[in-house]
Amino acid sequence: MLVLAATAYAVLSTGGGQPPARPAPSSTPQAAQAVDPPTASQPAAPQARPALGPSTPVRLTIPALGVDTGLMPLDLAADGALEVPPAGFPAGWYTGAPTPGELGPAVLAGHVDWKGAPGVFYDLRRLAGGELITVAREDGRAVVFRVTRVAKFAKDEFPSDLVYGDLDHAGLRLITCGGSFDRQARSYVDNLVVFAERVDESPA
């Protein structure tokens, strides 16, 4: 399950809300509980590599987790919150953010579970730094990203700048729910965010 609501443009969050319009504006990141130690600023790109142009992402693979999923477009709902996929599979990509390989943070979202069964991002919490993620694009390129950080954030303290803020390189964020499940609110208390940076690309 993955629940959204509007305020301060956080995503996948009952206490979150609206992603910024593209390009992302600046605001002050809020405090967070991190699985890996937080950094003071966005990590630098591992190498200088020209950004790609826009192209619709069509498939996501995470070999370490056995994830291989198609991708559906996600826009904004009427209340300004990010739409979520209508079922546990597939994952979705936020159309208001850069596409994977473009300059800036591409944002993909998916359910941790759905109607009592594991969702596409059920094992996302198991990802470790250095693991590879590949996003195939409609233009035939497969963009490879390396995980730099996996962090858990309280839903009412979602760090919008850290997730959606401008970058000087091509980045990727995978977002799902995490933490314990609040049965009264019928949602998880945290968001889990995987941060990754582009390291390569090749024909898909």
C-alpha atoms as a PDB file:
ATOM      1  CA  MET A   1       0.000   0.000   0.000  1.00  0.00           C
ATOM      2  CA  LEU A   2       1.101   3.518  -0.715  1.00  0.00           C
ATOM      3  CA  VAL A   3      -0.957   6.574   0.230  1.00  0.00           C
ATOM      4  CA  LEU A   4      -0.623  10.229  -0.758  1.00  0.00           C
ATOM      5  CA  ALA A   5      -2.038  13.526   0.365  1.00  0.00           C
ATOM      6  CA  ALA A   6      -1.245  17.167  -0.300  1.00  0.00           C
ATOM      7  CA  THR A   7       0.986  19.584   1.617  1.00  0.00           C
ATOM      8  CA  ALA A   8       4.525  20.791   1.009  1.00  0.00           C
ATOM      9  CA  TYR A   9       4.928  18.636  -2.111  1.00  0.00           C
ATOM     10  CA  ALA A  10       6.296  15.452  -0.601  1.00  0.00           C
ATOM     11  CA  VAL A  11       5.431  12.204  -2.342  1.00  0.00           C
ATOM     12  CA  LEU A  12       4.028   8.772  -1.389  1.00  0.00           C
ATOM     13  CA  SER A  13       2.990  10.151   1.914  1.00  0.00           C
ATOM     14  CA  THR A  14      -0.123  10.658   3.992  1.00  0.00           C
ATOM     15  CA  GLY A  15       1.656  13.679   5.409  1.00  0.00           C
ATOM     16  CA  GLY A  16       3.389  14.583   2.192  1.00  0.00           C
ATOM     17  CA  GLY A  17       1.899  16.091  -0.908  1.00  0.00           C
ATOM     18  CA  GLN A  18       2.721  17.954  -4.068  1.00  0.00           C
ATOM     19  CA  PRO A  19       5.901  17.529  -6.085  1.00  0.00           C
ATOM     20  CA  PRO A  20       7.233  20.802  -7.466  1.00  0.00           C
ATOM     21  CA  ALA A  21       6.538  21.640 -11.086  1.00  0.00           C
ATOM     22  CA  ARG A  22       9.455  21.048 -13.424  1.00  0.00           C
ATOM     23  CA  PRO A  23      11.990  22.597 -13.099  1.00  0.00           C
ATOM     24  CA  ALA A  24      12.059  22.070  -9.338  1.00  0.00           C
ATOM     25  CA  PRO A  25      12.102  25.163  -7.128  1.00  0.00           C
ATOM     26  CA  SER A  26      14.300  25.461  -4.079  1.00  0.00           C
ATOM     27  CA  SER A  27      13.158  25.154  -0.489  1.00  0.00           C
ATOM     28  CA  THR A  28      14.779  24.070   2.768  1.00  0.00           C
ATOM     29  CA  PRO A  29      15.002  20.277   3.217  1.00  0.00           C
ATOM     30  CA  GLN A  30      13.411  19.008   6.415  1.00  0.00           C
ATOM     31  CA  ALA A  31      14.921  16.716   9.006  1.00  0.00           C
ATOM     32  CA  ALA A  32      14.825  12.990   8.246  1.00  0.00           C
ATOM     33  CA  GLN A  33      15.666   9.610   9.713  1.00  0.00           C
ATOM     34  CA  ALA A  34      18.244   8.057   7.383  1.00  0.00           C
ATOM     35  CA  VAL A  35      19.141   4.410   6.978  1.00  0.00           C
ATOM     36  CA  ASP A  36      22.556   5.494   5.744  1.00  0.00           C
ATOM     37  CA  PRO A  37      24.190   8.570   7.310  1.00  0.00           C
ATOM     38  CA  PRO A  38      22.772  11.731   5.718  1.00  0.00           C
ATOM     39  CA  THR A  39      25.026  13.994   3.713  1.00  0.00           C
ATOM     40  CA  ALA A  40      25.080  17.776   3.874  1.00  0.00           C
ATOM     41  CA  SER A  41      24.602  18.164   0.135  1.00  0.00           C
ATOM     42  CA  GLN A  42      23.879  16.157  -2.981  1.00  0.00           C
ATOM     43  CA  PRO A  43      26.855  13.888  -3.779  1.00  0.00           C
ATOM     44  CA  ALA A  44      28.808  14.854  -6.878  1.00  0.00           C
ATOM     45  CA  ALA A  45      28.382  12.843 -10.052  1.00  0.00           C
ATOM     46  CA  PRO A  46      30.973  10.057 -10.291  1.00  0.00           C
ATOM     47  CA  GLN A  47      32.195  11.386 -13.632  1.00  0.00           C
ATOM     48  CA  ALA A  48      31.491  14.158 -16.116  1.00  0.00           C
ATOM     49  CA  ARG A  49      29.081  12.708 -18.668  1.00  0.00           C
ATOM     50  CA  PRO A  50      26.866  14.669 -21.042  1.00  0.00           C
ATOM     51  CA  ALA A  51      23.204  14.444 -20.121  1.00  0.00           C
ATOM     52  CA  LEU A  52      20.828  12.718 -22.504  1.00  0.00           C
ATOM     53  CA  GLY A  53      17.772  14.294 -24.048  1.00  0.00           C
ATOM     54  CA  PRO A  54      14.268  13.377 -22.906  1.00  0.00           C
ATOM     55  CA  SER A  55      12.863   9.934 -23.693  1.00  0.00           C
ATOM     56  CA  THR A  56      10.018   8.018 -22.048  1.00  0.00           C
ATOM     57  CA  PRO A  57      11.262   5.309 -19.648  1.00  0.00           C
ATOM     58  CA  VAL A  58       9.714   1.940 -20.438  1.00  0.00           C
ATOM     59  CA  ARG A  59      11.344  -0.629 -18.150  1.00  0.00           C
ATOM     60  CA  LEU A  60      13.118  -0.793 -14.787  1.00  0.00           C
ATOM     61  CA  THR A  61      15.424  -3.610 -13.705  1.00  0.00           C
ATOM     62  CA  ILE A  62      17.159  -4.048 -10.348  1.00  0.00           C
ATOM     63  CA  PRO A  63      19.204  -7.278 -10.631  1.00  0.00           C
ATOM     64  CA  ALA A  64      20.062  -7.443  -6.910  1.00  0.00           C
ATOM     65  CA  LEU A  65      16.338  -7.657  -6.058  1.00  0.00           C
ATOM     66  CA  GLY A  66      15.068  -9.567  -9.079  1.00  0.00           C
ATOM     67  CA  VAL A  67      12.928  -6.576 -10.082  1.00  0.00           C
ATOM     68  CA  ASP A  68      11.995  -6.380 -13.756  1.00  0.00           C
ATOM     69  CA  THR A  69       8.968  -4.175 -14.370  1.00  0.00           C
ATOM     70  CA  GLY A  70       7.371  -2.052 -17.011  1.00  0.00           C
ATOM     71  CA  LEU A  71       6.707   1.577 -16.180  1.00  0.00           C
ATOM     72  CA  MET A  72       3.519   3.627 -16.388  1.00  0.00           C
ATOM     73  CA  PRO A  73       3.285   7.445 -16.424  1.00  0.00           C
ATOM     74  CA  LEU A  74       2.253   9.200 -13.206  1.00  0.00           C
ATOM     75  CA  ASP A  75       0.939  12.754 -13.276  1.00  0.00           C
ATOM     76  CA  LEU A  76      -0.535  14.918 -10.514  1.00  0.00           C
ATOM     77  CA  ALA A  77      -3.938  14.188  -9.011  1.00  0.00           C
ATOM     78  CA  ALA A  78      -6.648  16.849  -8.673  1.00  0.00           C
ATOM     79  CA  ASP A  79      -5.368  17.767  -5.187  1.00  0.00           C
ATOM     80  CA  GLY A  80      -1.842  18.338  -6.486  1.00  0.00           C
ATOM     81  CA  ALA A  81      -0.421  15.121  -5.030  1.00  0.00           C
ATOM     82  CA  LEU A  82       1.495  12.662  -7.158  1.00  0.00           C
ATOM     83  CA  GLU A  83      -0.641   9.918  -8.642  1.00  0.00           C
ATOM     84  CA  VAL A  84       0.230   6.369  -7.617  1.00  0.00           C
ATOM     85  CA  PRO A  85       0.023   3.166  -9.663  1.00  0.00           C
ATOM     86  CA  PRO A  86      -3.458   1.586  -9.450  1.00  0.00           C
ATOM     87  CA  ALA A  87      -2.084  -1.795  -8.351  1.00  0.00           C
ATOM     88  CA  GLY A  88       1.014  -3.462  -6.885  1.00  0.00           C
ATOM     89  CA  PHE A  89       2.604  -3.695 -10.339  1.00  0.00           C
ATOM     90  CA  PRO A  90       4.017  -1.983 -12.367  1.00  0.00           C
ATOM     91  CA  ALA A  91       6.040   0.913 -11.001  1.00  0.00           C
ATOM     92  CA  GLY A  92       5.451   4.399 -12.389  1.00  0.00           C
ATOM     93  CA  TRP A  93       7.508   7.408 -13.436  1.00  0.00           C
ATOM     94  CA  TYR A  94       6.661  11.002 -12.563  1.00  0.00           C
ATOM     95  CA  THR A  95       6.118  12.872 -15.833  1.00  0.00           C
ATOM     96  CA  GLY A  96       6.822  16.252 -14.210  1.00  0.00           C
ATOM     97  CA  ALA A  97      10.445  15.310 -13.466  1.00  0.00           C
ATOM     98  CA  PRO A  98      13.327  14.722 -15.897  1.00  0.00           C
ATOM     99  CA  THR A  99      13.311  11.378 -17.678  1.00  0.00           C
ATOM    100  CA  PRO A 100      16.113   8.976 -16.668  1.00  0.00           C
ATOM    101  CA  GLY A 101      19.413  10.116 -18.143  1.00  0.00           C
ATOM    102  CA  GLU A 102      18.364  13.765 -18.443  1.00  0.00           C
ATOM    103  CA  LEU A 103      19.955  16.396 -16.229  1.00  0.00           C
ATOM    104  CA  GLY A 104      18.272  16.291 -12.818  1.00  0.00           C
ATOM    105  CA  PRO A 105      16.449  13.718 -10.697  1.00  0.00           C
ATOM    106  CA  ALA A 106      14.178  11.200 -12.423  1.00  0.00           C
ATOM    107  CA  VAL A 107      11.514   9.961  -9.989  1.00  0.00           C
ATOM    108  CA  LEU A 108       9.980   6.472  -9.998  1.00  0.00           C
ATOM    109  CA  ALA A 109       7.337   5.336  -7.502  1.00  0.00           C
ATOM    110  CA  GLY A 110       5.820   1.986  -6.632  1.00  0.00           C
ATOM    111  CA  HIS A 111       3.922   0.096  -3.958  1.00  0.00           C
ATOM    112  CA  VAL A 112       5.652  -1.854  -1.200  1.00  0.00           C
ATOM    113  CA  ASP A 113       2.600  -4.113  -0.993  1.00  0.00           C
ATOM    114  CA  TRP A 114      -0.916  -4.330  -2.359  1.00  0.00           C
ATOM    115  CA  LYS A 115      -3.945  -6.109  -0.884  1.00  0.00           C
ATOM    116  CA  GLY A 116      -1.771  -8.288   1.323  1.00  0.00           C
ATOM    117  CA  ALA A 117       0.713  -9.283  -1.387  1.00  0.00           C
ATOM    118  CA  PRO A 118       4.211  -7.892  -2.067  1.00  0.00           C
ATOM    119  CA  GLY A 119       4.326  -4.948  -4.453  1.00  0.00           C
ATOM    120  CA  VAL A 120       6.939  -4.096  -7.054  1.00  0.00           C
ATOM    121  CA  PHE A 121       9.116  -2.276  -4.484  1.00  0.00           C
ATOM    122  CA  TYR A 122       8.611  -4.740  -1.630  1.00  0.00           C
ATOM    123  CA  ASP A 123      12.343  -5.468  -1.288  1.00  0.00           C
ATOM    124  CA  LEU A 124      13.595  -1.941  -1.949  1.00  0.00           C
ATOM    125  CA  ARG A 125      14.774  -1.634   1.669  1.00  0.00           C
ATOM    126  CA  ARG A 126      17.328  -4.377   0.954  1.00  0.00           C
ATOM    127  CA  LEU A 127      19.227  -2.333  -1.628  1.00  0.00           C
ATOM    128  CA  ALA A 128      22.764  -1.369  -0.652  1.00  0.00           C
ATOM    129  CA  GLY A 129      25.140   1.306  -1.855  1.00  0.00           C
ATOM    130  CA  GLY A 130      26.885   0.322  -5.070  1.00  0.00           C
ATOM    131  CA  GLU A 131      24.039  -1.810  -6.460  1.00  0.00           C
ATOM    132  CA  LEU A 132      23.064  -1.115 -10.062  1.00  0.00           C
ATOM    133  CA  ILE A 133      19.691  -0.067 -11.456  1.00  0.00           C
ATOM    134  CA  THR A 134      18.906   0.058 -15.175  1.00  0.00           C
ATOM    135  CA  VAL A 135      16.148   2.049 -16.844  1.00  0.00           C
ATOM    136  CA  ALA A 136      15.397   1.275 -20.501  1.00  0.00           C
ATOM    137  CA  ARG A 137      14.124   4.223 -22.534  1.00  0.00           C
ATOM    138  CA  GLU A 138      11.900   4.486 -25.579  1.00  0.00           C
ATOM    139  CA  ASP A 139      14.840   5.783 -27.637  1.00  0.00           C
ATOM    140  CA  GLY A 140      16.635   2.447 -27.256  1.00  0.00           C
ATOM    141  CA  ARG A 141      19.107   3.522 -24.580  1.00  0.00           C
ATOM    142  CA  ALA A 142      19.455   1.679 -21.288  1.00  0.00           C
ATOM    143  CA  VAL A 143      20.673   4.061 -18.572  1.00  0.00           C
ATOM    144  CA  VAL A 144      22.579   2.503 -15.681  1.00  0.00           C
ATOM    145  CA  PHE A 145      22.520   4.085 -12.218  1.00  0.00           C
ATOM    146  CA  ARG A 146      24.515   3.185  -9.106  1.00  0.00           C
ATOM    147  CA  VAL A 147      22.859   3.395  -5.676  1.00  0.00           C
ATOM    148  CA  THR A 148      24.492   6.011  -3.453  1.00  0.00           C
ATOM    149  CA  ARG A 149      22.090   6.081  -0.524  1.00  0.00           C
ATOM    150  CA  VAL A 150      18.982   4.413   0.892  1.00  0.00           C
ATOM    151  CA  ALA A 151      17.099   6.536   3.416  1.00  0.00           C
ATOM    152  CA  LYS A 152      13.899   6.399   5.437  1.00  0.00           C
ATOM    153  CA  PHE A 153      11.973   9.609   6.130  1.00  0.00           C
ATOM    154  CA  ALA A 154       9.019  10.272   8.394  1.00  0.00           C
ATOM    155  CA  LYS A 155       6.078  11.153   6.156  1.00  0.00           C
ATOM    156  CA  ASP A 156       5.550  14.523   7.809  1.00  0.00           C
ATOM    157  CA  GLU A 157       9.257  15.372   7.368  1.00  0.00           C
ATOM    158  CA  PHE A 158       9.700  14.484   3.711  1.00  0.00           C
ATOM    159  CA  PRO A 159      12.801  16.326   2.322  1.00  0.00           C
ATOM    160  CA  SER A 160      11.391  17.611  -0.955  1.00  0.00           C
ATOM    161  CA  ASP A 161      14.581  19.411  -2.030  1.00  0.00           C
ATOM    162  CA  LEU A 162      16.691  16.316  -1.505  1.00  0.00           C
ATOM    163  CA  VAL A 163      14.369  14.231  -3.679  1.00  0.00           C
ATOM    164  CA  TYR A 164      13.164  16.727  -6.318  1.00  0.00           C
ATOM    165  CA  GLY A 165      15.799  19.457  -6.170  1.00  0.00           C
ATOM    166  CA  ASP A 166      18.026  20.491  -9.070  1.00  0.00           C
ATOM    167  CA  LEU A 167      21.152  18.425  -9.795  1.00  0.00           C
ATOM    168  CA  ASP A 168      24.220  19.052 -11.946  1.00  0.00           C
ATOM    169  CA  HIS A 169      24.061  15.448 -13.204  1.00  0.00           C
ATOM    170  CA  ALA A 170      21.535  12.736 -14.039  1.00  0.00           C
ATOM    171  CA  GLY A 171      20.092  11.168 -10.905  1.00  0.00           C
ATOM    172  CA  LEU A 172      17.387   8.679 -10.023  1.00  0.00           C
ATOM    173  CA  ARG A 173      15.054   8.381  -7.025  1.00  0.00           C
ATOM    174  CA  LEU A 174      12.950   5.307  -6.259  1.00  0.00           C
ATOM    175  CA  ILE A 175      10.200   5.930  -3.709  1.00  0.00           C
ATOM    176  CA  THR A 176       7.902   3.643  -1.764  1.00  0.00           C
ATOM    177  CA  CYS A 177       6.372   3.369   1.707  1.00  0.00           C
ATOM    178  CA  GLY A 178       8.350   2.093   4.694  1.00  0.00           C
ATOM    179  CA  GLY A 179       8.489   1.766   8.444  1.00  0.00           C
ATOM    180  CA  SER A 180       5.667   0.408  10.549  1.00  0.00           C
ATOM    181  CA  PHE A 181       2.049   0.286   9.417  1.00  0.00           C
ATOM    182  CA  ASP A 182      -0.430   2.592  11.175  1.00  0.00           C
ATOM    183  CA  ARG A 183      -3.667   0.585  11.145  1.00  0.00           C
ATOM    184  CA  GLN A 184      -5.781   3.544  12.224  1.00  0.00           C
ATOM    185  CA  ALA A 185      -4.464   5.758   9.424  1.00  0.00           C
ATOM    186  CA  ARG A 186      -4.251   2.756   7.056  1.00  0.00           C
ATOM    187  CA  SER A 187      -0.810   3.775   5.852  1.00  0.00           C
ATOM    188  CA  TYR A 188       2.874   3.333   6.588  1.00  0.00           C
ATOM    189  CA  VAL A 189       4.505   5.945   8.801  1.00  0.00           C
ATOM    190  CA  ASP A 190       7.603   6.506   6.628  1.00  0.00           C
ATOM    191  CA  ASN A 191       8.766   6.802   3.053  1.00  0.00           C
ATOM    192  CA  LEU A 192      11.758   4.867   1.761  1.00  0.00           C
ATOM    193  CA  VAL A 193      13.852   6.635  -0.879  1.00  0.00           C
ATOM    194  CA  VAL A 194      16.674   5.153  -2.934  1.00  0.00           C
ATOM    195  CA  PHE A 195      19.113   7.714  -4.361  1.00  0.00           C
ATOM    196  CA  ALA A 196      21.214   6.753  -7.377  1.00  0.00           C
ATOM    197  CA  GLU A 197      23.474   8.405  -9.968  1.00  0.00           C
ATOM    198  CA  ARG A 198      24.006   7.641 -13.624  1.00  0.00           C
ATOM    199  CA  VAL A 199      27.180   5.736 -14.399  1.00  0.00           C
ATOM    200  CA  ASP A 200      26.675   4.468 -17.949  1.00  0.00           C
ATOM    201  CA  GLU A 201      24.286   3.910 -20.814  1.00  0.00           C
ATOM    202  CA  SER A 202      24.127   1.512 -23.738  1.00  0.00           C
ATOM    203  CA  PRO A 203      21.700   0.328 -26.400  1.00  0.00           C
ATOM    204  CA  ALA A 204      18.772  -1.403 -24.671  1.00  0.00           C
END
